[in-house]
Amino acid sequence: MRAGAILAGFTLLTLPLMPIQAVLVRTHPRWARRLPHWYHRRVCRLFGIRLHIEGGVARDRPVLLVSNHTSWLDIPVLSAVAPLSFVAKKEVGTWPFVSALAKLQQTVFVDRERRGSVGDTASEILDRLASGDNVVLFAEGTSSDGNRVLPFKTSLFAAAKPPERLGTSPPDAVVQTLSLVYTRLNGVPIGRAARPLIGWYGDMEMTSHAWALLKAGSLDARIRVGPPVPLAEFIDRKDLARRSEDEIRRHVVGILRARPDGEFVETTRPNAETVKAARAAPARPADIAAPTKKWT
């Protein structure tokens, strides 16, 4: 009953706003940025997601936001933090209904299989930053189970920090990190065993995963926003990827350990075998159950 009521409310909220957003994208770019932010805050409230935001996204300047990625739920949660758009893989643009929502939020689609597309994507991201947009990059290249941060793929940063021949970044553009952790389910702290209920990764089927998550109950999501750093300060895409990854990993580990922002947390990079296993992890039926006995 809970999941059905949420879906009904989501439909009643979403369908009337879609044509309005389509008109705003063509006629009023400023409002086209703000409406999705307003909409996703209502979606989070409808889903029963309590947001705990530490820090804030810089205003009055273009911002490249680098984030970890756990679930399809990251989209409404991060969109509720500030007006923003996403960089997504090309395949998302073919998913029924999801593609329509992504395009209305002016998502930048990346063809990861065609190396020659980097120049086109770089130009689009640079144009969006120059126009004052906030653009989010999921730098792991895939989603994880939420218990770890996977190594960032430096190739994904080529569009944000391209070679000089492809163009230069807006002089006032900054980079901020978004570290997102789902911390509580129905008020109870989420342990490692229960975290796959939220994480959407491996070969999990989206429809059944979403239905199980909507039935589960209310969630607490904690988002730690890093301080702004001028994009021009980074030497190249590898420097941008390394520094962003280190900061996000420290923040995610700190949130998982319930450490306050600013407290030093020592972290280590995962080895190659761990990364390979995490990226290819299959979804087992038990992964989408809520093993309450193992919560901590």
C-alpha atoms as a PDB file:
ATOM      1  CA  MET A   1       0.000   0.000   0.000  1.00  0.00           C
ATOM      2  CA  ARG A   2       2.856   2.380   0.808  1.00  0.00           C
ATOM      3  CA  ALA A   3       4.594   1.813  -2.527  1.00  0.00           C
ATOM      4  CA  GLY A   4       1.323   2.135  -4.446  1.00  0.00           C
ATOM      5  CA  ALA A   5       0.430   5.399  -2.708  1.00  0.00           C
ATOM      6  CA  ILE A   6       3.900   6.822  -3.454  1.00  0.00           C
ATOM      7  CA  LEU A   7       3.662   5.874  -7.133  1.00  0.00           C
ATOM      8  CA  ALA A   8       0.213   7.450  -7.407  1.00  0.00           C
ATOM      9  CA  GLY A   9       1.462  10.655  -5.799  1.00  0.00           C
ATOM     10  CA  PHE A  10       4.566  10.664  -7.998  1.00  0.00           C
ATOM     11  CA  THR A  11       2.422  10.344 -11.133  1.00  0.00           C
ATOM     12  CA  LEU A  12       0.074  13.144 -10.082  1.00  0.00           C
ATOM     13  CA  LEU A  13       3.022  15.415  -9.325  1.00  0.00           C
ATOM     14  CA  THR A  14       5.156  14.575 -12.359  1.00  0.00           C
ATOM     15  CA  LEU A  15       2.879  14.363 -15.397  1.00  0.00           C
ATOM     16  CA  PRO A  16       1.400  17.901 -15.159  1.00  0.00           C
ATOM     17  CA  LEU A  17       4.864  19.435 -14.677  1.00  0.00           C
ATOM     18  CA  MET A  18       6.510  17.760 -17.673  1.00  0.00           C
ATOM     19  CA  PRO A  19       4.935  19.981 -20.392  1.00  0.00           C
ATOM     20  CA  ILE A  20       5.553  23.061 -18.224  1.00  0.00           C
ATOM     21  CA  GLN A  21       9.241  22.204 -17.940  1.00  0.00           C
ATOM     22  CA  ALA A  22       9.420  21.529 -21.695  1.00  0.00           C
ATOM     23  CA  VAL A  23       8.176  25.075 -22.359  1.00  0.00           C
ATOM     24  CA  LEU A  24      10.557  26.588 -19.795  1.00  0.00           C
ATOM     25  CA  VAL A  25      13.556  24.856 -21.364  1.00  0.00           C
ATOM     26  CA  ARG A  26      12.790  26.662 -24.614  1.00  0.00           C
ATOM     27  CA  THR A  27      11.701  30.041 -23.260  1.00  0.00           C
ATOM     28  CA  HIS A  28      13.013  30.689 -19.725  1.00  0.00           C
ATOM     29  CA  PRO A  29      16.373  28.954 -19.003  1.00  0.00           C
ATOM     30  CA  ARG A  30      16.586  30.400 -15.487  1.00  0.00           C
ATOM     31  CA  TRP A  31      13.239  28.905 -14.445  1.00  0.00           C
ATOM     32  CA  ALA A  32      14.069  25.702 -16.297  1.00  0.00           C
ATOM     33  CA  ARG A  33      16.950  25.274 -13.836  1.00  0.00           C
ATOM     34  CA  ARG A  34      14.841  26.050 -10.768  1.00  0.00           C
ATOM     35  CA  LEU A  35      11.723  23.968 -11.413  1.00  0.00           C
ATOM     36  CA  PRO A  36      13.509  20.559 -11.247  1.00  0.00           C
ATOM     37  CA  HIS A  37      15.074  21.621  -7.932  1.00  0.00           C
ATOM     38  CA  TRP A  38      11.643  22.504  -6.512  1.00  0.00           C
ATOM     39  CA  TYR A  39      10.137  19.326  -7.978  1.00  0.00           C
ATOM     40  CA  HIS A  40      12.767  16.969  -6.565  1.00  0.00           C
ATOM     41  CA  ARG A  41      12.450  18.415  -3.074  1.00  0.00           C
ATOM     42  CA  ARG A  42       8.763  17.436  -3.258  1.00  0.00           C
ATOM     43  CA  VAL A  43       9.682  13.997  -4.629  1.00  0.00           C
ATOM     44  CA  CYS A  44      12.025  13.416  -1.681  1.00  0.00           C
ATOM     45  CA  ARG A  45       9.280  14.417   0.720  1.00  0.00           C
ATOM     46  CA  LEU A  46       6.843  12.099  -1.069  1.00  0.00           C
ATOM     47  CA  PHE A  47       9.327   9.198  -0.869  1.00  0.00           C
ATOM     48  CA  GLY A  48       9.887   9.850   2.837  1.00  0.00           C
ATOM     49  CA  ILE A  49      13.526  10.918   2.432  1.00  0.00           C
ATOM     50  CA  ARG A  50      14.906  13.226   5.116  1.00  0.00           C
ATOM     51  CA  LEU A  51      17.813  15.306   3.800  1.00  0.00           C
ATOM     52  CA  HIS A  52      20.747  16.303   6.001  1.00  0.00           C
ATOM     53  CA  ILE A  53      22.905  18.705   4.012  1.00  0.00           C
ATOM     54  CA  GLU A  54      26.296  19.872   5.294  1.00  0.00           C
ATOM     55  CA  GLY A  55      27.709  22.837   3.389  1.00  0.00           C
ATOM     56  CA  GLY A  56      26.246  24.437   0.289  1.00  0.00           C
ATOM     57  CA  VAL A  57      26.730  24.771  -3.446  1.00  0.00           C
ATOM     58  CA  ALA A  58      28.376  28.038  -4.516  1.00  0.00           C
ATOM     59  CA  ARG A  59      26.028  30.603  -6.004  1.00  0.00           C
ATOM     60  CA  ASP A  60      26.421  33.127  -8.809  1.00  0.00           C
ATOM     61  CA  ARG A  61      29.140  31.112 -10.528  1.00  0.00           C
ATOM     62  CA  PRO A  62      29.275  27.916 -12.617  1.00  0.00           C
ATOM     63  CA  VAL A  63      29.956  24.785 -10.559  1.00  0.00           C
ATOM     64  CA  LEU A  64      31.182  21.344 -11.608  1.00  0.00           C
ATOM     65  CA  LEU A  65      29.919  18.949  -8.930  1.00  0.00           C
ATOM     66  CA  VAL A  66      31.707  15.605  -8.562  1.00  0.00           C
ATOM     67  CA  SER A  67      29.774  12.914  -6.707  1.00  0.00           C
ATOM     68  CA  ASN A  68      29.861   9.280  -5.675  1.00  0.00           C
ATOM     69  CA  HIS A  69      27.026   7.131  -7.008  1.00  0.00           C
ATOM     70  CA  THR A  70      24.953   4.527  -5.159  1.00  0.00           C
ATOM     71  CA  SER A  71      21.441   4.336  -6.566  1.00  0.00           C
ATOM     72  CA  TRP A  72      18.876   5.702  -9.007  1.00  0.00           C
ATOM     73  CA  LEU A  73      17.626   7.483  -5.883  1.00  0.00           C
ATOM     74  CA  ASP A  74      20.722   9.740  -6.052  1.00  0.00           C
ATOM     75  CA  ILE A  75      19.065  11.777  -8.817  1.00  0.00           C
ATOM     76  CA  PRO A  76      16.164  13.235  -6.794  1.00  0.00           C
ATOM     77  CA  VAL A  77      18.295  13.486  -3.636  1.00  0.00           C
ATOM     78  CA  LEU A  78      21.104  15.476  -5.244  1.00  0.00           C
ATOM     79  CA  SER A  79      18.669  17.537  -7.322  1.00  0.00           C
ATOM     80  CA  ALA A  80      17.056  18.575  -4.041  1.00  0.00           C
ATOM     81  CA  VAL A  81      20.367  20.091  -2.880  1.00  0.00           C
ATOM     82  CA  ALA A  82      20.556  22.778  -5.580  1.00  0.00           C
ATOM     83  CA  PRO A  83      19.487  23.482  -9.181  1.00  0.00           C
ATOM     84  CA  LEU A  84      21.666  21.234 -11.339  1.00  0.00           C
ATOM     85  CA  SER A  85      21.987  18.950 -14.351  1.00  0.00           C
ATOM     86  CA  PHE A  86      23.725  15.595 -14.721  1.00  0.00           C
ATOM     87  CA  VAL A  87      26.261  13.958 -16.997  1.00  0.00           C
ATOM     88  CA  ALA A  88      24.926  10.481 -17.853  1.00  0.00           C
ATOM     89  CA  LYS A  89      25.855   7.612 -20.136  1.00  0.00           C
ATOM     90  CA  LYS A  90      24.241   7.592 -23.564  1.00  0.00           C
ATOM     91  CA  GLU A  91      22.108   4.534 -22.728  1.00  0.00           C
ATOM     92  CA  VAL A  92      20.050   6.528 -20.205  1.00  0.00           C
ATOM     93  CA  GLY A  93      18.701   8.542 -23.129  1.00  0.00           C
ATOM     94  CA  THR A  94      16.980   5.391 -24.423  1.00  0.00           C
ATOM     95  CA  TRP A  95      15.259   4.251 -21.213  1.00  0.00           C
ATOM     96  CA  PRO A  96      11.451   4.604 -21.318  1.00  0.00           C
ATOM     97  CA  PHE A  97      10.121   7.564 -19.310  1.00  0.00           C
ATOM     98  CA  VAL A  98      13.474   8.013 -17.509  1.00  0.00           C
ATOM     99  CA  SER A  99      14.950   9.455 -20.712  1.00  0.00           C
ATOM    100  CA  ALA A 100      12.160  12.049 -20.892  1.00  0.00           C
ATOM    101  CA  LEU A 101      12.830  13.199 -17.327  1.00  0.00           C
ATOM    102  CA  ALA A 102      16.573  13.296 -17.970  1.00  0.00           C
ATOM    103  CA  LYS A 103      16.181  15.417 -21.082  1.00  0.00           C
ATOM    104  CA  LEU A 104      13.821  17.816 -19.317  1.00  0.00           C
ATOM    105  CA  GLN A 105      16.539  18.319 -16.700  1.00  0.00           C
ATOM    106  CA  GLN A 106      18.951  19.045 -19.570  1.00  0.00           C
ATOM    107  CA  THR A 107      21.191  16.054 -18.925  1.00  0.00           C
ATOM    108  CA  VAL A 108      24.457  15.839 -20.882  1.00  0.00           C
ATOM    109  CA  PHE A 109      24.763  12.388 -22.464  1.00  0.00           C
ATOM    110  CA  VAL A 110      28.201  10.812 -22.916  1.00  0.00           C
ATOM    111  CA  ASP A 111      29.028   8.040 -25.378  1.00  0.00           C
ATOM    112  CA  ARG A 112      31.678   6.146 -23.414  1.00  0.00           C
ATOM    113  CA  GLU A 113      32.273   3.671 -26.235  1.00  0.00           C
ATOM    114  CA  ARG A 114      33.282   6.288 -28.811  1.00  0.00           C
ATOM    115  CA  ARG A 115      36.467   8.144 -27.897  1.00  0.00           C
ATOM    116  CA  GLY A 116      35.878  10.726 -30.596  1.00  0.00           C
ATOM    117  CA  SER A 117      32.810  11.990 -28.738  1.00  0.00           C
ATOM    118  CA  VAL A 118      34.923  13.553 -25.957  1.00  0.00           C
ATOM    119  CA  GLY A 119      35.340  16.759 -27.921  1.00  0.00           C
ATOM    120  CA  ASP A 120      31.595  17.201 -28.446  1.00  0.00           C
ATOM    121  CA  THR A 121      30.828  16.420 -24.804  1.00  0.00           C
ATOM    122  CA  ALA A 122      33.577  18.755 -23.592  1.00  0.00           C
ATOM    123  CA  SER A 123      32.182  21.591 -25.666  1.00  0.00           C
ATOM    124  CA  GLU A 124      28.667  21.005 -24.320  1.00  0.00           C
ATOM    125  CA  ILE A 125      29.788  20.893 -20.682  1.00  0.00           C
ATOM    126  CA  LEU A 126      31.958  23.998 -21.103  1.00  0.00           C
ATOM    127  CA  ASP A 127      29.045  25.829 -22.733  1.00  0.00           C
ATOM    128  CA  ARG A 128      26.761  24.806 -19.880  1.00  0.00           C
ATOM    129  CA  LEU A 129      29.262  25.982 -17.272  1.00  0.00           C
ATOM    130  CA  ALA A 130      29.754  29.243 -19.152  1.00  0.00           C
ATOM    131  CA  SER A 131      25.991  29.819 -19.081  1.00  0.00           C
ATOM    132  CA  GLY A 132      25.985  29.438 -15.278  1.00  0.00           C
ATOM    133  CA  ASP A 133      24.706  25.872 -14.960  1.00  0.00           C
ATOM    134  CA  ASN A 134      25.700  23.473 -12.171  1.00  0.00           C
ATOM    135  CA  VAL A 135      26.732  20.137 -13.712  1.00  0.00           C
ATOM    136  CA  VAL A 136      27.064  16.857 -11.764  1.00  0.00           C
ATOM    137  CA  LEU A 137      29.549  14.147 -12.778  1.00  0.00           C
ATOM    138  CA  PHE A 138      29.328  10.622 -11.319  1.00  0.00           C
ATOM    139  CA  ALA A 139      33.042   9.932 -11.493  1.00  0.00           C
ATOM    140  CA  GLU A 140      33.034   6.231 -10.567  1.00  0.00           C
ATOM    141  CA  GLY A 141      31.474   5.457 -13.944  1.00  0.00           C
ATOM    142  CA  THR A 142      28.954   3.128 -12.288  1.00  0.00           C
ATOM    143  CA  SER A 143      27.004   2.758  -9.050  1.00  0.00           C
ATOM    144  CA  SER A 144      28.218   0.862  -5.987  1.00  0.00           C
ATOM    145  CA  ASP A 145      26.616  -0.871  -2.997  1.00  0.00           C
ATOM    146  CA  GLY A 146      27.119   2.239  -0.865  1.00  0.00           C
ATOM    147  CA  ASN A 147      29.710   0.669   1.446  1.00  0.00           C
ATOM    148  CA  ARG A 148      32.673   2.028  -0.495  1.00  0.00           C
ATOM    149  CA  VAL A 149      33.793   4.573  -3.098  1.00  0.00           C
ATOM    150  CA  LEU A 150      35.110   3.006  -6.285  1.00  0.00           C
ATOM    151  CA  PRO A 151      38.196   4.487  -8.002  1.00  0.00           C
ATOM    152  CA  PHE A 152      37.338   7.371 -10.278  1.00  0.00           C
ATOM    153  CA  LYS A 153      37.720   6.961 -14.028  1.00  0.00           C
ATOM    154  CA  THR A 154      39.960   9.774 -15.192  1.00  0.00           C
ATOM    155  CA  SER A 155      38.585   9.499 -18.742  1.00  0.00           C
ATOM    156  CA  LEU A 156      35.246  10.851 -17.500  1.00  0.00           C
ATOM    157  CA  PHE A 157      36.971  14.087 -16.486  1.00  0.00           C
ATOM    158  CA  ALA A 158      38.261  14.758 -19.998  1.00  0.00           C
ATOM    159  CA  ALA A 159      35.030  16.549 -20.818  1.00  0.00           C
ATOM    160  CA  ALA A 160      35.288  18.783 -17.740  1.00  0.00           C
ATOM    161  CA  LYS A 161      39.035  19.439 -17.948  1.00  0.00           C
ATOM    162  CA  PRO A 162      39.725  19.054 -21.684  1.00  0.00           C
ATOM    163  CA  PRO A 163      42.985  19.690 -23.530  1.00  0.00           C
ATOM    164  CA  GLU A 164      43.472  23.328 -24.509  1.00  0.00           C
ATOM    165  CA  ARG A 165      42.752  22.527 -28.151  1.00  0.00           C
ATOM    166  CA  LEU A 166      39.152  21.668 -27.210  1.00  0.00           C
ATOM    167  CA  GLY A 167      38.526  24.837 -25.275  1.00  0.00           C
ATOM    168  CA  THR A 168      39.147  26.359 -21.876  1.00  0.00           C
ATOM    169  CA  SER A 169      36.946  26.343 -18.797  1.00  0.00           C
ATOM    170  CA  PRO A 170      35.092  29.510 -17.766  1.00  0.00           C
ATOM    171  CA  PRO A 171      37.515  31.560 -15.631  1.00  0.00           C
ATOM    172  CA  ASP A 172      35.155  31.695 -12.639  1.00  0.00           C
ATOM    173  CA  ALA A 173      34.115  28.006 -12.709  1.00  0.00           C
ATOM    174  CA  VAL A 174      34.684  26.036  -9.496  1.00  0.00           C
ATOM    175  CA  VAL A 175      34.672  22.369  -8.488  1.00  0.00           C
ATOM    176  CA  GLN A 176      32.821  21.009  -5.458  1.00  0.00           C
ATOM    177  CA  THR A 177      32.395  17.451  -4.259  1.00  0.00           C
ATOM    178  CA  LEU A 178      29.114  15.850  -3.182  1.00  0.00           C
ATOM    179  CA  SER A 179      29.472  12.914  -0.813  1.00  0.00           C
ATOM    180  CA  LEU A 180      26.184  11.059  -0.397  1.00  0.00           C
ATOM    181  CA  VAL A 181      25.439   8.313   2.135  1.00  0.00           C
ATOM    182  CA  TYR A 182      22.065   6.799   3.065  1.00  0.00           C
ATOM    183  CA  THR A 183      22.342   6.465   6.835  1.00  0.00           C
ATOM    184  CA  ARG A 184      18.992   5.355   8.305  1.00  0.00           C
ATOM    185  CA  LEU A 185      15.987   3.279   7.288  1.00  0.00           C
ATOM    186  CA  ASN A 186      12.837   3.923   9.330  1.00  0.00           C
ATOM    187  CA  GLY A 187      15.027   5.703  11.866  1.00  0.00           C
ATOM    188  CA  VAL A 188      17.348   2.709  12.369  1.00  0.00           C
ATOM    189  CA  PRO A 189      21.043   3.008  11.342  1.00  0.00           C
ATOM    190  CA  ILE A 190      21.776   1.044   8.169  1.00  0.00           C
ATOM    191  CA  GLY A 191      24.542  -1.542   8.391  1.00  0.00           C
ATOM    192  CA  ARG A 192      26.609  -3.085   5.596  1.00  0.00           C
ATOM    193  CA  ALA A 193      24.224  -6.015   5.073  1.00  0.00           C
ATOM    194  CA  ALA A 194      21.151  -3.837   4.583  1.00  0.00           C
ATOM    195  CA  ARG A 195      22.789  -1.210   2.375  1.00  0.00           C
ATOM    196  CA  PRO A 196      22.161  -3.119  -0.928  1.00  0.00           C
ATOM    197  CA  LEU A 197      18.452  -2.486  -0.359  1.00  0.00           C
ATOM    198  CA  ILE A 198      19.252   1.084  -1.437  1.00  0.00           C
ATOM    199  CA  GLY A 199      22.256   0.558  -3.707  1.00  0.00           C
ATOM    200  CA  TRP A 200      21.390  -0.237  -7.318  1.00  0.00           C
ATOM    201  CA  TYR A 201      24.412  -1.922  -8.876  1.00  0.00           C
ATOM    202  CA  GLY A 202      25.641  -4.966 -10.754  1.00  0.00           C
ATOM    203  CA  ASP A 203      22.826  -6.699 -12.657  1.00  0.00           C
ATOM    204  CA  MET A 204      19.971  -5.518 -10.431  1.00  0.00           C
ATOM    205  CA  GLU A 205      16.688  -5.025 -12.294  1.00  0.00           C
ATOM    206  CA  MET A 206      15.473  -1.471 -11.742  1.00  0.00           C
ATOM    207  CA  THR A 207      11.707  -2.020 -11.494  1.00  0.00           C
ATOM    208  CA  SER A 208      11.825  -4.685  -8.762  1.00  0.00           C
ATOM    209  CA  HIS A 209      14.547  -2.791  -6.898  1.00  0.00           C
ATOM    210  CA  ALA A 210      12.529   0.442  -6.930  1.00  0.00           C
ATOM    211  CA  TRP A 211       9.383  -1.354  -5.745  1.00  0.00           C
ATOM    212  CA  ALA A 212      11.246  -3.005  -2.840  1.00  0.00           C
ATOM    213  CA  LEU A 213      12.789   0.307  -1.825  1.00  0.00           C
ATOM    214  CA  LEU A 214       9.489   2.197  -1.937  1.00  0.00           C
ATOM    215  CA  LYS A 215       7.909  -0.456   0.298  1.00  0.00           C
ATOM    216  CA  ALA A 216      10.763  -0.378   2.806  1.00  0.00           C
ATOM    217  CA  GLY A 217       9.984   2.912   4.550  1.00  0.00           C
ATOM    218  CA  SER A 218      11.516   6.306   5.246  1.00  0.00           C
ATOM    219  CA  LEU A 219      15.179   7.073   4.612  1.00  0.00           C
ATOM    220  CA  ASP A 220      17.749   9.529   5.922  1.00  0.00           C
ATOM    221  CA  ALA A 221      20.292  10.789   3.385  1.00  0.00           C
ATOM    222  CA  ARG A 222      23.350  12.785   4.422  1.00  0.00           C
ATOM    223  CA  ILE A 223      25.078  14.929   1.805  1.00  0.00           C
ATOM    224  CA  ARG A 224      28.409  16.585   2.573  1.00  0.00           C
ATOM    225  CA  VAL A 225      29.272  19.397   0.135  1.00  0.00           C
ATOM    226  CA  GLY A 226      32.968  20.148  -0.242  1.00  0.00           C
ATOM    227  CA  PRO A 227      34.409  23.671  -0.418  1.00  0.00           C
ATOM    228  CA  PRO A 228      34.675  25.304  -3.862  1.00  0.00           C
ATOM    229  CA  VAL A 229      38.024  25.050  -5.648  1.00  0.00           C
ATOM    230  CA  PRO A 230      38.672  27.002  -8.879  1.00  0.00           C
ATOM    231  CA  LEU A 231      38.651  24.621 -11.837  1.00  0.00           C
ATOM    232  CA  ALA A 232      41.722  26.406 -13.178  1.00  0.00           C
ATOM    233  CA  GLU A 233      43.745  25.230 -10.143  1.00  0.00           C
ATOM    234  CA  PHE A 234      43.783  21.640 -11.364  1.00  0.00           C
ATOM    235  CA  ILE A 235      46.699  20.738 -13.605  1.00  0.00           C
ATOM    236  CA  ASP A 236      44.779  18.274 -15.774  1.00  0.00           C
ATOM    237  CA  ARG A 237      41.953  15.716 -15.665  1.00  0.00           C
ATOM    238  CA  LYS A 238      44.045  13.231 -13.662  1.00  0.00           C
ATOM    239  CA  ASP A 239      44.784  15.812 -10.991  1.00  0.00           C
ATOM    240  CA  LEU A 240      41.081  16.727 -10.852  1.00  0.00           C
ATOM    241  CA  ALA A 241      40.051  13.064 -10.573  1.00  0.00           C
ATOM    242  CA  ARG A 242      42.616  12.205  -7.889  1.00  0.00           C
ATOM    243  CA  ARG A 243      41.896  15.138  -5.607  1.00  0.00           C
ATOM    244  CA  SER A 244      38.126  14.770  -5.957  1.00  0.00           C
ATOM    245  CA  GLU A 245      38.274  11.033  -5.274  1.00  0.00           C
ATOM    246  CA  ASP A 246      40.391  11.485  -2.141  1.00  0.00           C
ATOM    247  CA  GLU A 247      38.031  14.123  -0.736  1.00  0.00           C
ATOM    248  CA  ILE A 248      34.852  12.157  -1.461  1.00  0.00           C
ATOM    249  CA  ARG A 249      36.305   8.958  -0.001  1.00  0.00           C
ATOM    250  CA  ARG A 250      37.274  10.788   3.205  1.00  0.00           C
ATOM    251  CA  HIS A 251      33.797  12.308   3.504  1.00  0.00           C
ATOM    252  CA  VAL A 252      31.939   9.052   2.769  1.00  0.00           C
ATOM    253  CA  VAL A 253      34.023   7.122   5.298  1.00  0.00           C
ATOM    254  CA  GLY A 254      33.522   9.921   7.808  1.00  0.00           C
ATOM    255  CA  ILE A 255      29.741   9.814   7.378  1.00  0.00           C
ATOM    256  CA  LEU A 256      29.665   6.011   7.602  1.00  0.00           C
ATOM    257  CA  ARG A 257      31.606   6.281  10.889  1.00  0.00           C
ATOM    258  CA  ALA A 258      29.386   9.137  12.125  1.00  0.00           C
ATOM    259  CA  ARG A 259      32.364  11.500  12.267  1.00  0.00           C
ATOM    260  CA  PRO A 260      31.694  15.266  12.121  1.00  0.00           C
ATOM    261  CA  ASP A 261      32.752  17.286   9.097  1.00  0.00           C
ATOM    262  CA  GLY A 262      36.313  18.532   9.517  1.00  0.00           C
ATOM    263  CA  GLU A 263      37.530  15.608  11.620  1.00  0.00           C
ATOM    264  CA  PHE A 264      40.450  13.816   9.961  1.00  0.00           C
ATOM    265  CA  VAL A 265      39.638  10.340   8.654  1.00  0.00           C
ATOM    266  CA  GLU A 266      42.388   8.146   7.257  1.00  0.00           C
ATOM    267  CA  THR A 267      41.425   6.198   4.140  1.00  0.00           C
ATOM    268  CA  THR A 268      43.087   3.846   1.664  1.00  0.00           C
ATOM    269  CA  ARG A 269      42.453   3.261  -2.008  1.00  0.00           C
ATOM    270  CA  PRO A 270      40.907  -0.151  -2.836  1.00  0.00           C
ATOM    271  CA  ASN A 271      43.076  -2.666  -4.657  1.00  0.00           C
ATOM    272  CA  ALA A 272      42.406  -3.787  -8.229  1.00  0.00           C
ATOM    273  CA  GLU A 273      40.764  -7.101  -7.257  1.00  0.00           C
ATOM    274  CA  THR A 274      38.313  -5.422  -4.880  1.00  0.00           C
ATOM    275  CA  VAL A 275      37.380  -2.878  -7.523  1.00  0.00           C
ATOM    276  CA  LYS A 276      36.807  -5.531 -10.184  1.00  0.00           C
ATOM    277  CA  ALA A 277      34.584  -7.561  -7.861  1.00  0.00           C
ATOM    278  CA  ALA A 278      32.580  -4.498  -6.801  1.00  0.00           C
ATOM    279  CA  ARG A 279      31.945  -3.345 -10.375  1.00  0.00           C
ATOM    280  CA  ALA A 280      30.800  -6.794 -11.509  1.00  0.00           C
ATOM    281  CA  ALA A 281      28.907  -7.796  -8.361  1.00  0.00           C
ATOM    282  CA  PRO A 282      25.737  -9.684  -9.312  1.00  0.00           C
ATOM    283  CA  ALA A 283      22.455  -8.884  -7.599  1.00  0.00           C
ATOM    284  CA  ARG A 284      21.293 -11.834  -5.530  1.00  0.00           C
ATOM    285  CA  PRO A 285      17.708 -12.106  -4.276  1.00  0.00           C
ATOM    286  CA  ALA A 286      18.981 -11.604  -0.730  1.00  0.00           C
ATOM    287  CA  ASP A 287      20.552  -8.304  -1.739  1.00  0.00           C
ATOM    288  CA  ILE A 288      17.197  -6.590  -1.972  1.00  0.00           C
ATOM    289  CA  ALA A 289      15.819  -7.906   1.284  1.00  0.00           C
ATOM    290  CA  ALA A 290      16.055  -5.925   4.510  1.00  0.00           C
ATOM    291  CA  PRO A 291      17.957  -8.163   6.979  1.00  0.00           C
ATOM    292  CA  THR A 292      16.981  -6.318  10.138  1.00  0.00           C
ATOM    293  CA  LYS A 293      18.920  -8.695  12.389  1.00  0.00           C
ATOM    294  CA  LYS A 294      22.174  -7.495  10.831  1.00  0.00           C
ATOM    295  CA  TRP A 295      21.601  -3.803  11.235  1.00  0.00           C
ATOM    296  CA  THR A 296      24.118  -2.015  13.447  1.00  0.00           C
END
